[in-house]
Amino acid sequence: MATVPNFANGLSPKSWETFLVEVLPPQGCWTDEEYLVLTEHTNRLIEFTDGFLEELPMPTDHHQAIVEFLSDEFRQFINPRGG
């Protein structure tokens, strides 16, 4: 499991950005393995397609309420049918 090197922990935001640009693969060159290592070390939603990464927005409260409503509806439909 990869970790952030100790020397990088004290960098300024600009230096940290420069460090990441030099160390991380450029857009379009990411592999599945590199993506999986990255997602193990972040709590952000990141989409991976054809070697490119895109940070996704966090779901809104409205979105989460809709998901909860639909989940409850599915559960009420499935449970009486043995699901």
PDB file of N, CA and C in Angstrom:
ATOM      1  N   MET A   1       0.846  -1.179   0.000  1.00  0.00           N
ATOM      2  CA  MET A   1       0.000   0.000   0.000  1.00  0.00           C
ATOM      3  C   MET A   1       0.888   1.236   0.000  1.00  0.00           C
ATOM      4  N   ALA A   2       0.673   2.115  -0.954  1.00  0.00           N
ATOM      5  CA  ALA A   2       1.466   3.340  -1.071  1.00  0.00           C
ATOM      6  C   ALA A   2       1.002   4.375  -0.058  1.00  0.00           C
ATOM      7  N   THR A   3       1.933   5.185   0.415  1.00  0.00           N
ATOM      8  CA  THR A   3       1.599   6.273   1.331  1.00  0.00           C
ATOM      9  C   THR A   3       2.279   7.543   0.859  1.00  0.00           C
ATOM     10  N   VAL A   4       1.806   8.669   1.387  1.00  0.00           N
ATOM     11  CA  VAL A   4       2.429   9.954   1.064  1.00  0.00           C
ATOM     12  C   VAL A   4       3.751  10.028   1.807  1.00  0.00           C
ATOM     13  N   PRO A   5       4.834  10.317   1.108  1.00  0.00           N
ATOM     14  CA  PRO A   5       6.135  10.399   1.780  1.00  0.00           C
ATOM     15  C   PRO A   5       6.142  11.483   2.850  1.00  0.00           C
ATOM     16  N   ASN A   6       6.879  11.256   3.941  1.00  0.00           N
ATOM     17  CA  ASN A   6       6.939  12.217   5.044  1.00  0.00           C
ATOM     18  C   ASN A   6       7.450  13.579   4.603  1.00  0.00           C
ATOM     19  N   PHE A   7       8.419  13.624   3.679  1.00  0.00           N
ATOM     20  CA  PHE A   7       8.978  14.916   3.277  1.00  0.00           C
ATOM     21  C   PHE A   7       7.934  15.805   2.613  1.00  0.00           C
ATOM     22  N   ALA A   8       6.861  15.229   2.064  1.00  0.00           N
ATOM     23  CA  ALA A   8       5.843  16.019   1.371  1.00  0.00           C
ATOM     24  C   ALA A   8       4.831  16.622   2.331  1.00  0.00           C
ATOM     25  N   ASN A   9       4.760  16.116   3.560  1.00  0.00           N
ATOM     26  CA  ASN A   9       3.733  16.573   4.493  1.00  0.00           C
ATOM     27  C   ASN A   9       3.886  18.028   4.909  1.00  0.00           C
ATOM     28  N   GLY A  10       5.098  18.601   4.883  1.00  0.00           N
ATOM     29  CA  GLY A  10       5.302  19.974   5.317  1.00  0.00           C
ATOM     30  C   GLY A  10       5.354  20.986   4.188  1.00  0.00           C
ATOM     31  N   LEU A  11       5.005  20.592   2.977  1.00  0.00           N
ATOM     32  CA  LEU A  11       5.089  21.497   1.827  1.00  0.00           C
ATOM     33  C   LEU A  11       3.965  22.525   1.830  1.00  0.00           C
ATOM     34  N   SER A  12       4.249  23.699   1.277  1.00  0.00           N
ATOM     35  CA  SER A  12       3.206  24.709   1.089  1.00  0.00           C
ATOM     36  C   SER A  12       2.237  24.205   0.025  1.00  0.00           C
ATOM     37  N   PRO A  13       1.022  24.772  -0.044  1.00  0.00           N
ATOM     38  CA  PRO A  13       0.063  24.326  -1.063  1.00  0.00           C
ATOM     39  C   PRO A  13       0.621  24.390  -2.484  1.00  0.00           C
ATOM     40  N   LYS A  14       1.350  25.456  -2.823  1.00  0.00           N
ATOM     41  CA  LYS A  14       1.913  25.578  -4.175  1.00  0.00           C
ATOM     42  C   LYS A  14       2.988  24.525  -4.408  1.00  0.00           C
ATOM     43  N   SER A  15       3.843  24.306  -3.405  1.00  0.00           N
ATOM     44  CA  SER A  15       4.885  23.284  -3.522  1.00  0.00           C
ATOM     45  C   SER A  15       4.269  21.892  -3.610  1.00  0.00           C
ATOM     46  N   TRP A  16       3.203  21.665  -2.851  1.00  0.00           N
ATOM     47  CA  TRP A  16       2.499  20.380  -2.881  1.00  0.00           C
ATOM     48  C   TRP A  16       1.926  20.143  -4.282  1.00  0.00           C
ATOM     49  N   GLU A  17       1.331  21.180  -4.868  1.00  0.00           N
ATOM     50  CA  GLU A  17       0.779  21.062  -6.217  1.00  0.00           C
ATOM     51  C   GLU A  17       1.883  20.720  -7.219  1.00  0.00           C
ATOM     52  N   THR A  18       3.015  21.394  -7.113  1.00  0.00           N
ATOM     53  CA  THR A  18       4.151  21.120  -7.998  1.00  0.00           C
ATOM     54  C   THR A  18       4.646  19.690  -7.805  1.00  0.00           C
ATOM     55  N   PHE A  19       4.746  19.252  -6.558  1.00  0.00           N
ATOM     56  CA  PHE A  19       5.161  17.884  -6.239  1.00  0.00           C
ATOM     57  C   PHE A  19       4.229  16.876  -6.906  1.00  0.00           C
ATOM     58  N   LEU A  20       2.926  17.096  -6.785  1.00  0.00           N
ATOM     59  CA  LEU A  20       1.959  16.164  -7.368  1.00  0.00           C
ATOM     60  C   LEU A  20       2.052  16.127  -8.888  1.00  0.00           C
ATOM     61  N   VAL A  21       2.212  17.287  -9.509  1.00  0.00           N
ATOM     62  CA  VAL A  21       2.319  17.350 -10.971  1.00  0.00           C
ATOM     63  C   VAL A  21       3.536  16.563 -11.444  1.00  0.00           C
ATOM     64  N   GLU A  22       4.627  16.625 -10.688  1.00  0.00           N
ATOM     65  CA  GLU A  22       5.848  15.925 -11.080  1.00  0.00           C
ATOM     66  C   GLU A  22       5.773  14.423 -10.823  1.00  0.00           C
ATOM     67  N   VAL A  23       5.025  14.014  -9.810  1.00  0.00           N
ATOM     68  CA  VAL A  23       4.996  12.610  -9.396  1.00  0.00           C
ATOM     69  C   VAL A  23       3.861  11.823 -10.048  1.00  0.00           C
ATOM     70  N   LEU A  24       2.698  12.436 -10.182  1.00  0.00           N
ATOM     71  CA  LEU A  24       1.535  11.712 -10.697  1.00  0.00           C
ATOM     72  C   LEU A  24       1.545  11.641 -12.218  1.00  0.00           C
ATOM     73  N   PRO A  25       0.933  10.598 -12.769  1.00  0.00           N
ATOM     74  CA  PRO A  25       0.863  10.486 -14.230  1.00  0.00           C
ATOM     75  C   PRO A  25       0.041  11.625 -14.828  1.00  0.00           C
ATOM     76  N   PRO A  26       0.364  12.038 -16.050  1.00  0.00           N
ATOM     77  CA  PRO A  26      -0.445  13.076 -16.704  1.00  0.00           C
ATOM     78  C   PRO A  26      -1.808  12.520 -17.110  1.00  0.00           C
ATOM     79  N   GLN A  27      -2.767  13.425 -17.305  1.00  0.00           N
ATOM     80  CA  GLN A  27      -4.096  13.011 -17.749  1.00  0.00           C
ATOM     81  C   GLN A  27      -3.963  12.206 -19.035  1.00  0.00           C
ATOM     82  N   GLY A  28      -4.736  11.129 -19.111  1.00  0.00           N
ATOM     83  CA  GLY A  28      -4.711  10.263 -20.277  1.00  0.00           C
ATOM     84  C   GLY A  28      -3.727   9.116 -20.155  1.00  0.00           C
ATOM     85  N   CYS A  29      -2.883   9.157 -19.114  1.00  0.00           N
ATOM     86  CA  CYS A  29      -1.848   8.123 -18.947  1.00  0.00           C
ATOM     87  C   CYS A  29      -2.031   7.292 -17.676  1.00  0.00           C
ATOM     88  N   TRP A  30      -3.127   7.488 -16.957  1.00  0.00           N
ATOM     89  CA  TRP A  30      -3.363   6.734 -15.727  1.00  0.00           C
ATOM     90  C   TRP A  30      -3.696   5.284 -16.062  1.00  0.00           C
ATOM     91  N   THR A  31      -3.206   4.353 -15.220  1.00  0.00           N
ATOM     92  CA  THR A  31      -3.546   2.939 -15.360  1.00  0.00           C
ATOM     93  C   THR A  31      -4.594   2.586 -14.311  1.00  0.00           C
ATOM     94  N   ASP A  32      -5.208   1.424 -14.488  1.00  0.00           N
ATOM     95  CA  ASP A  32      -6.182   0.953 -13.499  1.00  0.00           C
ATOM     96  C   ASP A  32      -5.541   0.864 -12.115  1.00  0.00           C
ATOM     97  N   GLU A  33      -4.331   0.318 -12.060  1.00  0.00           N
ATOM     98  CA  GLU A  33      -3.642   0.138 -10.785  1.00  0.00           C
ATOM     99  C   GLU A  33      -3.363   1.476 -10.101  1.00  0.00           C
ATOM    100  N   GLU A  34      -2.893   2.457 -10.860  1.00  0.00           N
ATOM    101  CA  GLU A  34      -2.612   3.778 -10.285  1.00  0.00           C
ATOM    102  C   GLU A  34      -3.890   4.428  -9.764  1.00  0.00           C
ATOM    103  N   TYR A  35      -4.975   4.273 -10.506  1.00  0.00           N
ATOM    104  CA  TYR A  35      -6.264   4.816 -10.075  1.00  0.00           C
ATOM    105  C   TYR A  35      -6.704   4.174  -8.760  1.00  0.00           C
ATOM    106  N   LEU A  36      -6.583   2.851  -8.669  1.00  0.00           N
ATOM    107  CA  LEU A  36      -7.008   2.160  -7.454  1.00  0.00           C
ATOM    108  C   LEU A  36      -6.170   2.570  -6.250  1.00  0.00           C
ATOM    109  N   VAL A  37      -4.865   2.767  -6.433  1.00  0.00           N
ATOM    110  CA  VAL A  37      -4.016   3.245  -5.335  1.00  0.00           C
ATOM    111  C   VAL A  37      -4.478   4.629  -4.893  1.00  0.00           C
ATOM    112  N   LEU A  38      -4.766   5.498  -5.853  1.00  0.00           N
ATOM    113  CA  LEU A  38      -5.227   6.851  -5.526  1.00  0.00           C
ATOM    114  C   LEU A  38      -6.526   6.813  -4.727  1.00  0.00           C
ATOM    115  N   THR A  39      -7.489   5.997  -5.159  1.00  0.00           N
ATOM    116  CA  THR A  39      -8.788   5.973  -4.484  1.00  0.00           C
ATOM    117  C   THR A  39      -8.710   5.369  -3.090  1.00  0.00           C
ATOM    118  N   GLU A  40      -7.671   4.585  -2.814  1.00  0.00           N
ATOM    119  CA  GLU A  40      -7.479   4.052  -1.461  1.00  0.00           C
ATOM    120  C   GLU A  40      -7.039   5.141  -0.487  1.00  0.00           C
ATOM    121  N   HIS A  41      -6.561   6.268  -1.016  1.00  0.00           N
ATOM    122  CA  HIS A  41      -5.984   7.312  -0.168  1.00  0.00           C
ATOM    123  C   HIS A  41      -6.727   8.639  -0.256  1.00  0.00           C
ATOM    124  N   THR A  42      -7.982   8.594  -0.666  1.00  0.00           N
ATOM    125  CA  THR A  42      -8.764   9.826  -0.729  1.00  0.00           C
ATOM    126  C   THR A  42     -10.212   9.527  -0.393  1.00  0.00           C
ATOM    127  N   ASN A  43     -10.925  10.541   0.074  1.00  0.00           N
ATOM    128  CA  ASN A  43     -12.350  10.387   0.333  1.00  0.00           C
ATOM    129  C   ASN A  43     -13.168  11.127  -0.723  1.00  0.00           C
ATOM    130  N   ARG A  44     -12.541  11.457  -1.808  1.00  0.00           N
ATOM    131  CA  ARG A  44     -13.216  12.161  -2.904  1.00  0.00           C
ATOM    132  C   ARG A  44     -13.746  11.162  -3.918  1.00  0.00           C
ATOM    133  N   LEU A  45     -14.815  11.573  -4.620  1.00  0.00           N
ATOM    134  CA  LEU A  45     -15.359  10.759  -5.700  1.00  0.00           C
ATOM    135  C   LEU A  45     -14.574  11.073  -6.964  1.00  0.00           C
ATOM    136  N   ILE A  46     -13.898  10.073  -7.500  1.00  0.00           N
ATOM    137  CA  ILE A  46     -13.067  10.274  -8.684  1.00  0.00           C
ATOM    138  C   ILE A  46     -13.465   9.257  -9.739  1.00  0.00           C
ATOM    139  N   GLU A  47     -13.792   9.757 -10.909  1.00  0.00           N
ATOM    140  CA  GLU A  47     -14.159   8.895 -12.028  1.00  0.00           C
ATOM    141  C   GLU A  47     -12.931   8.650 -12.892  1.00  0.00           C
ATOM    142  N   PHE A  48     -12.796   7.417 -13.364  1.00  0.00           N
ATOM    143  CA  PHE A  48     -11.653   7.020 -14.188  1.00  0.00           C
ATOM    144  C   PHE A  48     -12.173   6.490 -15.515  1.00  0.00           C
ATOM    145  N   THR A  49     -11.789   7.133 -16.617  1.00  0.00           N
ATOM    146  CA  THR A  49     -12.215   6.711 -17.950  1.00  0.00           C
ATOM    147  C   THR A  49     -11.071   6.889 -18.930  1.00  0.00           C
ATOM    148  N   ASP A  50     -10.692   5.800 -19.568  1.00  0.00           N
ATOM    149  CA  ASP A  50      -9.674   5.846 -20.625  1.00  0.00           C
ATOM    150  C   ASP A  50      -8.408   6.598 -20.211  1.00  0.00           C
ATOM    151  N   GLY A  51      -7.952   6.367 -18.981  1.00  0.00           N
ATOM    152  CA  GLY A  51      -6.717   6.994 -18.524  1.00  0.00           C
ATOM    153  C   GLY A  51      -6.866   8.396 -17.976  1.00  0.00           C
ATOM    154  N   PHE A  52      -8.089   8.935 -17.982  1.00  0.00           N
ATOM    155  CA  PHE A  52      -8.343  10.289 -17.486  1.00  0.00           C
ATOM    156  C   PHE A  52      -9.081  10.227 -16.155  1.00  0.00           C
ATOM    157  N   LEU A  53      -8.773  11.178 -15.272  1.00  0.00           N
ATOM    158  CA  LEU A  53      -9.449  11.301 -13.986  1.00  0.00           C
ATOM    159  C   LEU A  53     -10.315  12.544 -13.985  1.00  0.00           C
ATOM    160  N   GLU A  54     -11.464  12.430 -13.329  1.00  0.00           N
ATOM    161  CA  GLU A  54     -12.341  13.589 -13.158  1.00  0.00           C
ATOM    162  C   GLU A  54     -12.897  13.543 -11.745  1.00  0.00           C
ATOM    163  N   GLU A  55     -12.674  14.619 -10.994  1.00  0.00           N
ATOM    164  CA  GLU A  55     -13.226  14.697  -9.647  1.00  0.00           C
ATOM    165  C   GLU A  55     -14.707  15.014  -9.766  1.00  0.00           C
ATOM    166  N   LEU A  56     -15.524  14.182  -9.131  1.00  0.00           N
ATOM    167  CA  LEU A  56     -16.966  14.362  -9.191  1.00  0.00           C
ATOM    168  C   LEU A  56     -17.436  15.171  -7.991  1.00  0.00           C
ATOM    169  N   PRO A  57     -18.507  15.944  -8.167  1.00  0.00           N
ATOM    170  CA  PRO A  57     -19.030  16.719  -7.040  1.00  0.00           C
ATOM    171  C   PRO A  57     -19.662  15.796  -5.998  1.00  0.00           C
ATOM    172  N   MET A  58     -19.636  16.228  -4.754  1.00  0.00           N
ATOM    173  CA  MET A  58     -20.296  15.470  -3.697  1.00  0.00           C
ATOM    174  C   MET A  58     -21.804  15.557  -3.907  1.00  0.00           C
ATOM    175  N   PRO A  59     -22.539  14.477  -3.621  1.00  0.00           N
ATOM    176  CA  PRO A  59     -23.994  14.521  -3.776  1.00  0.00           C
ATOM    177  C   PRO A  59     -24.604  15.580  -2.855  1.00  0.00           C
ATOM    178  N   THR A  60     -25.621  16.255  -3.366  1.00  0.00           N
ATOM    179  CA  THR A  60     -26.310  17.270  -2.567  1.00  0.00           C
ATOM    180  C   THR A  60     -27.257  16.598  -1.578  1.00  0.00           C
ATOM    181  N   ASP A  61     -27.734  17.358  -0.608  1.00  0.00           N
ATOM    182  CA  ASP A  61     -28.718  16.828   0.339  1.00  0.00           C
ATOM    183  C   ASP A  61     -29.985  16.404  -0.393  1.00  0.00           C
ATOM    184  N   HIS A  62     -30.373  17.174  -1.405  1.00  0.00           N
ATOM    185  CA  HIS A  62     -31.565  16.840  -2.192  1.00  0.00           C
ATOM    186  C   HIS A  62     -31.370  15.492  -2.897  1.00  0.00           C
ATOM    187  N   HIS A  63     -30.217  15.299  -3.491  1.00  0.00           N
ATOM    188  CA  HIS A  63     -29.902  14.032  -4.156  1.00  0.00           C
ATOM    189  C   HIS A  63     -29.966  12.872  -3.163  1.00  0.00           C
ATOM    190  N   GLN A  64     -29.375  13.063  -1.989  1.00  0.00           N
ATOM    191  CA  GLN A  64     -29.371  12.015  -0.973  1.00  0.00           C
ATOM    192  C   GLN A  64     -30.786  11.697  -0.502  1.00  0.00           C
ATOM    193  N   ALA A  65     -31.648  12.711  -0.397  1.00  0.00           N
ATOM    194  CA  ALA A  65     -33.039  12.485   0.003  1.00  0.00           C
ATOM    195  C   ALA A  65     -33.771  11.658  -1.051  1.00  0.00           C
ATOM    196  N   ILE A  66     -33.511  11.930  -2.316  1.00  0.00           N
ATOM    197  CA  ILE A  66     -34.134  11.154  -3.398  1.00  0.00           C
ATOM    198  C   ILE A  66     -33.655   9.705  -3.348  1.00  0.00           C
ATOM    199  N   VAL A  67     -32.372   9.496  -3.146  1.00  0.00           N
ATOM    200  CA  VAL A  67     -31.821   8.138  -3.050  1.00  0.00           C
ATOM    201  C   VAL A  67     -32.459   7.391  -1.882  1.00  0.00           C
ATOM    202  N   GLU A  68     -32.598   8.057  -0.743  1.00  0.00           N
ATOM    203  CA  GLU A  68     -33.220   7.432   0.422  1.00  0.00           C
ATOM    204  C   GLU A  68     -34.675   7.076   0.133  1.00  0.00           C
ATOM    205  N   PHE A  69     -35.415   7.984  -0.503  1.00  0.00           N
ATOM    206  CA  PHE A  69     -36.812   7.727  -0.851  1.00  0.00           C
ATOM    207  C   PHE A  69     -36.927   6.509  -1.767  1.00  0.00           C
ATOM    208  N   LEU A  70     -36.122   6.471  -2.826  1.00  0.00           N
ATOM    209  CA  LEU A  70     -36.178   5.351  -3.770  1.00  0.00           C
ATOM    210  C   LEU A  70     -35.782   4.036  -3.107  1.00  0.00           C
ATOM    211  N   SER A  71     -34.786   4.084  -2.249  1.00  0.00           N
ATOM    212  CA  SER A  71     -34.367   2.887  -1.530  1.00  0.00           C
ATOM    213  C   SER A  71     -35.499   2.352  -0.657  1.00  0.00           C
ATOM    214  N   ASP A  72     -36.179   3.252   0.051  1.00  0.00           N
ATOM    215  CA  ASP A  72     -37.322   2.846   0.879  1.00  0.00           C
ATOM    216  C   ASP A  72     -38.436   2.253   0.028  1.00  0.00           C
ATOM    217  N   GLU A  73     -38.714   2.856  -1.130  1.00  0.00           N
ATOM    218  CA  GLU A  73     -39.760   2.347  -2.022  1.00  0.00           C
ATOM    219  C   GLU A  73     -39.409   0.950  -2.535  1.00  0.00           C
ATOM    220  N   PHE A  74     -38.172   0.755  -2.959  1.00  0.00           N
ATOM    221  CA  PHE A  74     -37.739  -0.569  -3.424  1.00  0.00           C
ATOM    222  C   PHE A  74     -37.864  -1.599  -2.311  1.00  0.00           C
ATOM    223  N   ARG A  75     -37.436  -1.231  -1.108  1.00  0.00           N
ATOM    224  CA  ARG A  75     -37.502  -2.143   0.031  1.00  0.00           C
ATOM    225  C   ARG A  75     -38.948  -2.536   0.320  1.00  0.00           C
ATOM    226  N   GLN A  76     -39.867  -1.562   0.299  1.00  0.00           N
ATOM    227  CA  GLN A  76     -41.278  -1.852   0.559  1.00  0.00           C
ATOM    228  C   GLN A  76     -41.879  -2.744  -0.521  1.00  0.00           C
ATOM    229  N   PHE A  77     -41.386  -2.639  -1.736  1.00  0.00           N
ATOM    230  CA  PHE A  77     -41.873  -3.468  -2.831  1.00  0.00           C
ATOM    231  C   PHE A  77     -41.289  -4.884  -2.757  1.00  0.00           C
ATOM    232  N   ILE A  78     -40.004  -4.990  -2.429  1.00  0.00           N
ATOM    233  CA  ILE A  78     -39.311  -6.274  -2.482  1.00  0.00           C
ATOM    234  C   ILE A  78     -39.562  -7.135  -1.246  1.00  0.00           C
ATOM    235  N   ASN A  79     -39.565  -6.557  -0.065  1.00  0.00           N
ATOM    236  CA  ASN A  79     -39.697  -7.341   1.169  1.00  0.00           C
ATOM    237  C   ASN A  79     -40.941  -8.223   1.203  1.00  0.00           C
ATOM    238  N   PRO A  80     -42.138  -7.742   0.850  1.00  0.00           N
ATOM    239  CA  PRO A  80     -43.314  -8.623   0.874  1.00  0.00           C
ATOM    240  C   PRO A  80     -43.228  -9.776  -0.129  1.00  0.00           C
ATOM    241  N   ARG A  81     -42.345  -9.688  -1.062  1.00  0.00           N
ATOM    242  CA  ARG A  81     -42.210 -10.712  -2.099  1.00  0.00           C
ATOM    243  C   ARG A  81     -41.064 -11.683  -1.798  1.00  0.00           C
ATOM    244  N   GLY A  82     -40.601 -11.660  -0.559  1.00  0.00           N
ATOM    245  CA  GLY A  82     -39.557 -12.593  -0.145  1.00  0.00           C
ATOM    246  C   GLY A  82     -38.149 -12.113  -0.404  1.00  0.00           C
ATOM    247  N   GLY A  83     -38.007 -10.842  -0.755  1.00  0.00           N
ATOM    248  CA  GLY A  83     -36.673 -10.314  -1.075  1.00  0.00           C
ATOM    249  C   GLY A  83     -36.029  -9.796   0.107  1.00  0.00           C
TER     250      GLY A  83
END
